[in-house]
C-alpha atoms as a PDB file:
ATOM      1  CA  MET A   1      18.372 -12.531   5.180  1.00  0.00           C
ATOM      2  CA  LYS A   2      15.329  -9.629   5.641  1.00  0.00           C
ATOM      3  CA  PRO A   3      15.701  -7.144   2.691  1.00  0.00           C
ATOM      4  CA  ILE A   4      17.082  -3.567   3.042  1.00  0.00           C
ATOM      5  CA  VAL A   5      15.065  -0.856   1.961  1.00  0.00           C
ATOM      6  CA  GLU A   6      16.659   2.995   2.089  1.00  0.00           C
ATOM      7  CA  ILE A   7      14.306   5.798   2.605  1.00  0.00           C
ATOM      8  CA  ASN A   8      14.841   9.031   2.737  1.00  0.00           C
ATOM      9  CA  LEU A   9      12.897  11.441   4.334  1.00  0.00           C
ATOM     10  CA  LYS A  10      13.111  14.078   1.846  1.00  0.00           C
ATOM     11  CA  THR A  11      11.613  12.885  -1.404  1.00  0.00           C
ATOM     12  CA  LEU A  12      10.135  10.644   0.948  1.00  0.00           C
ATOM     13  CA  GLU A  13      11.584   7.803  -1.273  1.00  0.00           C
ATOM     14  CA  CYS A  14      11.482   4.178   0.346  1.00  0.00           C
ATOM     15  CA  THR A  15      13.286   1.398  -2.268  1.00  0.00           C
ATOM     16  CA  VAL A  16      14.646  -1.350  -2.703  1.00  0.00           C
ATOM     17  CA  ALA A  17      17.373  -2.159  -4.439  1.00  0.00           C
ATOM     18  CA  ASP A  18      18.771  -5.756  -4.492  1.00  0.00           C
ATOM     19  CA  PRO A  19      17.084  -7.410  -7.621  1.00  0.00           C
ATOM     20  CA  GLU A  20      16.187 -10.230  -4.834  1.00  0.00           C
ATOM     21  CA  HIS A  21      15.121  -8.837  -2.365  1.00  0.00           C
ATOM     22  CA  SER A  22      13.100  -6.396  -4.820  1.00  0.00           C
ATOM     23  CA  ARG A  23      11.008  -9.743  -6.533  1.00  0.00           C
ATOM     24  CA  SER A  24      10.859 -11.611  -2.626  1.00  0.00           C
ATOM     25  CA  LEU A  25       8.951  -8.882  -1.829  1.00  0.00           C
ATOM     26  CA  TYR A  26       7.171  -9.037  -4.597  1.00  0.00           C
ATOM     27  CA  GLU A  27       6.503 -12.570  -4.676  1.00  0.00           C
ATOM     28  CA  GLU A  28       5.758 -13.107  -0.833  1.00  0.00           C
ATOM     29  CA  GLY A  29       2.279 -10.333  -0.593  1.00  0.00           C
ATOM     30  CA  CYS A  30       2.551  -7.772  -3.618  1.00  0.00           C
ATOM     31  CA  PHE A  31       4.527  -4.915  -1.988  1.00  0.00           C
ATOM     32  CA  GLY A  32       5.558  -1.694  -3.982  1.00  0.00           C
ATOM     33  CA  ARG A  33       5.960  -1.540  -7.703  1.00  0.00           C
ATOM     34  CA  ALA A  34       8.763  -2.104  -9.781  1.00  0.00           C
ATOM     35  CA  MET A  35       9.262  -1.892 -13.348  1.00  0.00           C
ATOM     36  CA  MET A  36      10.842  -5.716 -13.538  1.00  0.00           C
ATOM     37  CA  ASP A  37       6.921  -6.322 -12.626  1.00  0.00           C
ATOM     38  CA  ASP A  38       5.523  -5.814 -15.938  1.00  0.00           C
ATOM     39  CA  VAL A  39       6.148  -8.729 -18.043  1.00  0.00           C
ATOM     40  CA  ARG A  40       5.943  -6.821 -21.015  1.00  0.00           C
ATOM     41  CA  ILE A  41       8.684  -4.245 -20.105  1.00  0.00           C
ATOM     42  CA  MET A  42      11.444  -6.684 -19.304  1.00  0.00           C
ATOM     43  CA  LYS A  43      11.244  -8.382 -22.704  1.00  0.00           C
ATOM     44  CA  ARG A  44      11.597  -5.146 -24.043  1.00  0.00           C
ATOM     45  CA  LEU A  45      14.800  -4.652 -22.343  1.00  0.00           C
ATOM     46  CA  GLN A  46      15.944  -7.914 -22.482  1.00  0.00           C
ATOM     47  CA  HIS A  47      16.543  -7.324 -26.091  1.00  0.00           C
ATOM     48  CA  LEU A  48      17.848  -3.399 -26.016  1.00  0.00           C
ATOM     49  CA  PRO A  49      22.072  -3.465 -26.140  1.00  0.00           C
ATOM     50  CA  GLY A  50      23.870  -1.847 -23.089  1.00  0.00           C
ATOM     51  CA  ASN A  51      20.945  -3.178 -20.864  1.00  0.00           C
ATOM     52  CA  GLU A  52      22.524  -3.386 -17.820  1.00  0.00           C
ATOM     53  CA  LYS A  53      21.794  -0.239 -16.267  1.00  0.00           C
ATOM     54  CA  LEU A  54      17.985  -0.334 -17.288  1.00  0.00           C
ATOM     55  CA  LEU A  55      17.985  -3.504 -15.850  1.00  0.00           C
ATOM     56  CA  GLU A  56      18.985  -2.230 -13.023  1.00  0.00           C
ATOM     57  CA  ARG A  57      17.087   0.435 -12.300  1.00  0.00           C
ATOM     58  CA  ALA A  58      13.875  -1.637 -13.065  1.00  0.00           C
ATOM     59  CA  SER A  59      14.881  -4.123 -10.277  1.00  0.00           C
ATOM     60  CA  ILE A  60      14.833  -1.226  -7.638  1.00  0.00           C
ATOM     61  CA  ARG A  61      11.365  -1.042  -5.905  1.00  0.00           C
ATOM     62  CA  SER A  62       9.171   1.391  -4.528  1.00  0.00           C
ATOM     63  CA  LEU A  63       7.622   1.475  -0.873  1.00  0.00           C
ATOM     64  CA  SER A  64       4.137   3.671   0.588  1.00  0.00           C
ATOM     65  CA  LEU A  65       5.122   5.195   3.672  1.00  0.00           C
ATOM     66  CA  ILE A  66       2.424   2.617   4.870  1.00  0.00           C
ATOM     67  CA  GLU A  67       3.748  -0.615   3.268  1.00  0.00           C
ATOM     68  CA  THR A  68       7.219   0.595   5.053  1.00  0.00           C
ATOM     69  CA  LEU A  69       5.648   0.815   8.266  1.00  0.00           C
ATOM     70  CA  TYR A  70       3.583  -2.219   7.642  1.00  0.00           C
ATOM     71  CA  LEU A  71       7.294  -4.464   6.785  1.00  0.00           C
ATOM     72  CA  LEU A  72       8.893  -2.513   9.269  1.00  0.00           C
ATOM     73  CA  ARG A  73       6.723  -3.864  12.716  1.00  0.00           C
ATOM     74  CA  GLU A  74       6.076  -7.992  11.163  1.00  0.00           C
ATOM     75  CA  GLY A  75       9.893  -7.997  11.179  1.00  0.00           C
ATOM     76  CA  ARG A  76      10.185  -7.977   7.573  1.00  0.00           C
ATOM     77  CA  ILE A  77      12.671  -5.489   7.096  1.00  0.00           C
ATOM     78  CA  ILE A  78      15.207  -3.379   7.908  1.00  0.00           C
ATOM     79  CA  ALA A  79      14.952   0.218   7.747  1.00  0.00           C
ATOM     80  CA  VAL A  80      17.144   2.326   7.034  1.00  0.00           C
ATOM     81  CA  ILE A  81      17.885   6.388   7.658  1.00  0.00           C
ATOM     82  CA  SER A  82      20.614   8.366   7.008  1.00  0.00           C
ATOM     83  CA  GLY A  83      23.178   5.136   8.041  1.00  0.00           C
ATOM     84  CA  GLN A  84      21.485   4.484  10.796  1.00  0.00           C
ATOM     85  CA  GLU A  85      19.769   0.442  11.225  1.00  0.00           C
ATOM     86  CA  GLY A  86      16.294  -0.509  12.298  1.00  0.00           C
ATOM     87  CA  ASP A  87      15.358  -3.812  12.697  1.00  0.00           C
ATOM     88  CA  ALA A  88      11.244  -3.830  13.148  1.00  0.00           C
ATOM     89  CA  GLY A  89      11.691  -5.614  16.720  1.00  0.00           C
ATOM     90  CA  CYS A  90      12.632  -3.169  18.326  1.00  0.00           C
ATOM     91  CA  GLY A  91       9.488  -0.339  16.919  1.00  0.00           C
ATOM     92  CA  GLY A  92      12.721   2.465  17.561  1.00  0.00           C
ATOM     93  CA  GLU A  93      13.156   5.737  15.915  1.00  0.00           C
ATOM     94  CA  VAL A  94      12.927   4.574  12.147  1.00  0.00           C
ATOM     95  CA  GLU A  95       9.185   3.713  12.577  1.00  0.00           C
ATOM     96  CA  ASN A  96       8.664   7.031  14.711  1.00  0.00           C
ATOM     97  CA  ARG A  97      10.451   9.218  12.361  1.00  0.00           C
ATOM     98  CA  LEU A  98       7.732   7.764  10.083  1.00  0.00           C
ATOM     99  CA  LEU A  99       5.084   7.880  11.597  1.00  0.00           C
ATOM    100  CA  ALA A 100       5.953  11.478  12.020  1.00  0.00           C
ATOM    101  CA  VAL A 101       5.941  12.237   8.771  1.00  0.00           C
ATOM    102  CA  GLY A 102       2.620  10.125   7.851  1.00  0.00           C
ATOM    103  CA  ALA A 103       0.942  12.716  10.841  1.00  0.00           C
ATOM    104  CA  LYS A 104       3.017  15.924   8.938  1.00  0.00           C
ATOM    105  CA  MET A 105       1.726  14.602   5.043  1.00  0.00           C
ATOM    106  CA  HIS A 106      -2.368  13.394   5.801  1.00  0.00           C
ATOM    107  CA  GLY A 107      -2.832  14.392   9.195  1.00  0.00           C
ATOM    108  CA  ILE A 108      -2.707  12.315  12.771  1.00  0.00           C
ATOM    109  CA  GLN A 109      -6.203  11.103  12.036  1.00  0.00           C
ATOM    110  CA  ALA A 110      -6.023   9.475   8.739  1.00  0.00           C
ATOM    111  CA  PHE A 111      -2.265   8.834   8.586  1.00  0.00           C
ATOM    112  CA  ALA A 112      -3.255   6.140  11.801  1.00  0.00           C
ATOM    113  CA  ALA A 113      -6.601   4.927  10.489  1.00  0.00           C
ATOM    114  CA  ARG A 114      -5.323   4.194   6.688  1.00  0.00           C
ATOM    115  CA  LEU A 115      -2.225   2.415   8.361  1.00  0.00           C
ATOM    116  CA  THR A 116      -4.717   0.694  11.236  1.00  0.00           C
ATOM    117  CA  VAL A 117      -7.357  -0.752   7.773  1.00  0.00           C
ATOM    118  CA  TYR A 118      -3.692  -0.761   5.458  1.00  0.00           C
ATOM    119  CA  SER A 119      -2.315  -3.564   8.576  1.00  0.00           C
ATOM    120  CA  LEU A 120      -5.942  -5.401   9.193  1.00  0.00           C
ATOM    121  CA  MET A 121      -6.286  -6.695   5.626  1.00  0.00           C
ATOM    122  CA  ARG A 122      -2.938  -7.878   5.054  1.00  0.00           C
ATOM    123  CA  LYS A 123      -3.145  -9.616   8.242  1.00  0.00           C
ATOM    124  CA  ARG A 124      -6.915 -11.287   7.154  1.00  0.00           C
ATOM    125  CA  GLY A 125      -5.142 -12.508   3.730  1.00  0.00           C
ATOM    126  CA  TRP A 126      -5.882  -9.775   0.912  1.00  0.00           C
ATOM    127  CA  VAL A 127      -3.469  -8.048  -1.443  1.00  0.00           C
ATOM    128  CA  VAL A 128      -4.154  -4.505  -0.817  1.00  0.00           C
ATOM    129  CA  ARG A 129      -2.440  -2.142  -3.449  1.00  0.00           C
ATOM    130  CA  ASP A 130      -3.569   1.356  -3.559  1.00  0.00           C
ATOM    131  CA  GLY A 131      -6.546   2.994  -4.929  1.00  0.00           C
ATOM    132  CA  ILE A 132      -6.500   6.363  -6.023  1.00  0.00           C
ATOM    133  CA  LYS A 133      -7.077   5.995  -9.855  1.00  0.00           C
ATOM    134  CA  PHE A 134     -10.302   4.110  -8.240  1.00  0.00           C
ATOM    135  CA  GLY A 135     -11.088   7.468  -6.290  1.00  0.00           C
ATOM    136  CA  CYS A 136     -10.924   5.727  -2.861  1.00  0.00           C
ATOM    137  CA  ASP A 137      -7.816   4.338  -0.380  1.00  0.00           C
ATOM    138  CA  TYR A 138      -7.116   1.192  -1.418  1.00  0.00           C
ATOM    139  CA  VAL A 139      -8.423  -1.801  -3.696  1.00  0.00           C
ATOM    140  CA  LEU A 140      -7.874  -5.540  -2.778  1.00  0.00           C
ATOM    141  CA  TYR A 141      -6.745  -8.356  -4.237  1.00  0.00           C
ATOM    142  CA  LYS A 142      -7.246 -11.729  -3.563  1.00  0.00           C
ATOM    143  CA  GLN A 143      -3.745 -13.464  -2.759  1.00  0.00           C
ATOM    144  CA  GLY A 144      -1.856 -13.367  -5.934  1.00  0.00           C
ATOM    145  CA  GLY A 145      -2.343  -9.562  -6.858  1.00  0.00           C
ATOM    146  CA  PRO A 146      -2.795  -8.102  -9.866  1.00  0.00           C
ATOM    147  CA  LYS A 147      -1.095 -10.395 -12.558  1.00  0.00           C
ATOM    148  CA  ARG A 148      -3.965 -13.128 -11.469  1.00  0.00           C
ATOM    149  CA  TYR A 149      -7.055 -11.465  -9.985  1.00  0.00           C
ATOM    150  CA  HIS A 150      -8.665  -8.193 -10.394  1.00  0.00           C
ATOM    151  CA  ALA A 151      -9.636  -6.182  -7.502  1.00  0.00           C
ATOM    152  CA  GLU A 152     -12.666  -7.353  -5.778  1.00  0.00           C
ATOM    153  CA  TYR A 153     -13.289  -4.206  -3.159  1.00  0.00           C
ATOM    154  CA  ALA A 154     -12.910  -0.935  -3.481  1.00  0.00           C
ATOM    155  CA  VAL A 155     -11.983   0.375  -0.145  1.00  0.00           C
ATOM    156  CA  GLN A 156     -12.662   4.152   1.425  1.00  0.00           C
ATOM    157  CA  VAL A 157     -10.954   4.425   5.250  1.00  0.00           C
ATOM    158  CA  GLN A 158     -12.713   6.863   7.509  1.00  0.00           C
ATOM    159  CA  TRP A 159     -12.163   8.394  10.782  1.00  0.00           C
ATOM    160  CA  ASP A 160     -14.711   8.593  13.283  1.00  0.00           C
ATOM    161  CA  THR A 161     -15.287  12.700  13.102  1.00  0.00           C
ATOM    162  CA  GLN A 162     -15.151  12.387   9.276  1.00  0.00           C
ATOM    163  CA  ALA A 163     -17.756   9.316   9.282  1.00  0.00           C
ATOM    164  CA  ALA A 164     -20.632  11.492  10.984  1.00  0.00           C
ATOM    165  CA  LYS A 165     -20.212  14.741   8.092  1.00  0.00           C
ATOM    166  CA  ASN A 166     -21.382  11.715   5.026  1.00  0.00           C
ATOM    167  CA  THR A 167     -24.610  12.193   3.135  1.00  0.00           C
ATOM    168  CA  TRP A 168     -26.080  10.022   0.947  1.00  0.00           C
ATOM    169  CA  LYS A 169     -25.556  12.069  -2.006  1.00  0.00           C
ATOM    170  CA  LYS A 170     -21.423  11.330  -1.565  1.00  0.00           C
ATOM    171  CA  LEU A 171     -22.163   7.169  -0.630  1.00  0.00           C
ATOM    172  CA  LEU A 172     -24.542   6.785  -3.597  1.00  0.00           C
ATOM    173  CA  ALA A 173     -21.559   8.947  -6.438  1.00  0.00           C
ATOM    174  CA  SER A 174     -18.902   6.408  -4.607  1.00  0.00           C
ATOM    175  CA  ILE A 175     -21.262   3.072  -4.689  1.00  0.00           C
ATOM    176  CA  ARG A 176     -22.378   4.414  -8.518  1.00  0.00           C
ATOM    177  CA  PHE A 177     -18.726   4.807  -9.619  1.00  0.00           C
ATOM    178  CA  THR A 178     -17.193   1.515  -8.011  1.00  0.00           C
ATOM    179  CA  GLU A 179     -19.802  -0.037  -9.718  1.00  0.00           C
ATOM    180  CA  GLN A 180     -18.583   0.718 -13.466  1.00  0.00           C
ATOM    181  CA  ALA A 181     -14.793  -0.619 -11.979  1.00  0.00           C
ATOM    182  CA  LYS A 182     -16.602  -3.403 -11.557  1.00  0.00           C
ATOM    183  CA  LYS A 183     -15.793  -3.258  -7.944  1.00  0.00           C
ATOM    184  CA  ALA A 184     -18.116  -3.367  -4.757  1.00  0.00           C
ATOM    185  CA  LEU A 185     -17.941  -0.951  -1.936  1.00  0.00           C
ATOM    186  CA  VAL A 186     -16.199  -1.230   1.803  1.00  0.00           C
ATOM    187  CA  ARG A 187     -16.099   1.986   3.457  1.00  0.00           C
ATOM    188  CA  VAL A 188     -14.508   1.603   6.760  1.00  0.00           C
ATOM    189  CA  VAL A 189     -14.575   3.689   9.710  1.00  0.00           C
ATOM    190  CA  VAL A 190     -11.768   4.174  12.897  1.00  0.00           C
ATOM    191  CA  ASP A 191     -12.862   4.688  15.837  1.00  0.00           C
ATOM    192  CA  ARG A 192      -9.642   4.642  18.304  1.00  0.00           C
ATOM    193  CA  ASP A 193      -9.333   0.653  18.795  1.00  0.00           C
ATOM    194  CA  ARG A 194     -12.412   0.305  16.813  1.00  0.00           C
ATOM    195  CA  VAL A 195     -13.080  -1.067  12.661  1.00  0.00           C
ATOM    196  CA  SER A 196     -16.730  -0.884  11.640  1.00  0.00           C
ATOM    197  CA  PRO A 197     -16.335  -2.400   7.578  1.00  0.00           C
ATOM    198  CA  THR A 198     -19.308  -1.787   5.725  1.00  0.00           C
ATOM    199  CA  LEU A 199     -20.253  -3.470   2.873  1.00  0.00           C
ATOM    200  CA  PHE A 200     -22.555  -1.249   0.572  1.00  0.00           C
ATOM    201  CA  CYS A 201     -24.175  -2.367  -3.596  1.00  0.00           C
ATOM    202  CA  ARG A 202     -27.198  -0.608  -4.908  1.00  0.00           C
ATOM    203  CA  TRP A 203     -30.309  -2.320  -4.877  1.00  0.00           C
ATOM    204  CA  ILE A 204     -32.034  -2.064  -8.282  1.00  0.00           C
ATOM    205  CA  PRO A 205     -35.598  -3.040  -7.819  1.00  0.00           C
END
């Protein structure tokens, strides 16, 4: 059975409550976040008295809107909103409502560009995680994810009109920041159906 993702449009939470489904989503592609992913936390919880409820909470996996949309389009989950079920294969009401929420939060162009790049990198075999703490949209890991590897690339997503506002000062600042985090900067420009990734590095003579 496909994992069931419960979506609360008021709180914008996309959660997987079933422990087995939660575990499978992480093992298959490091999707979402849950306390159960941290071995140290789980060891501590297992030794606490009356830990049943804590362990249950630790298994709840939270997905981002983009992760949920990607998995829904790939037919790998069942998404439920207010008691309504939508299968990814039909791309119906659930997908449309999630797209509308994302566009309202980030803007139509920005959300569409981020979703396009996320899907592209996943299909190329990368494990894609949120990159906010590195000042970028995504960070890319080899298969196996954060438990086995450090992220190799920091990805900035831009759409055509935004890319026109780039300056060399902004670019150099981004490169220096990602270098300090031991990552290479990839800037991806989305122009309608065209996706153009560019790898940047600083040349020191």
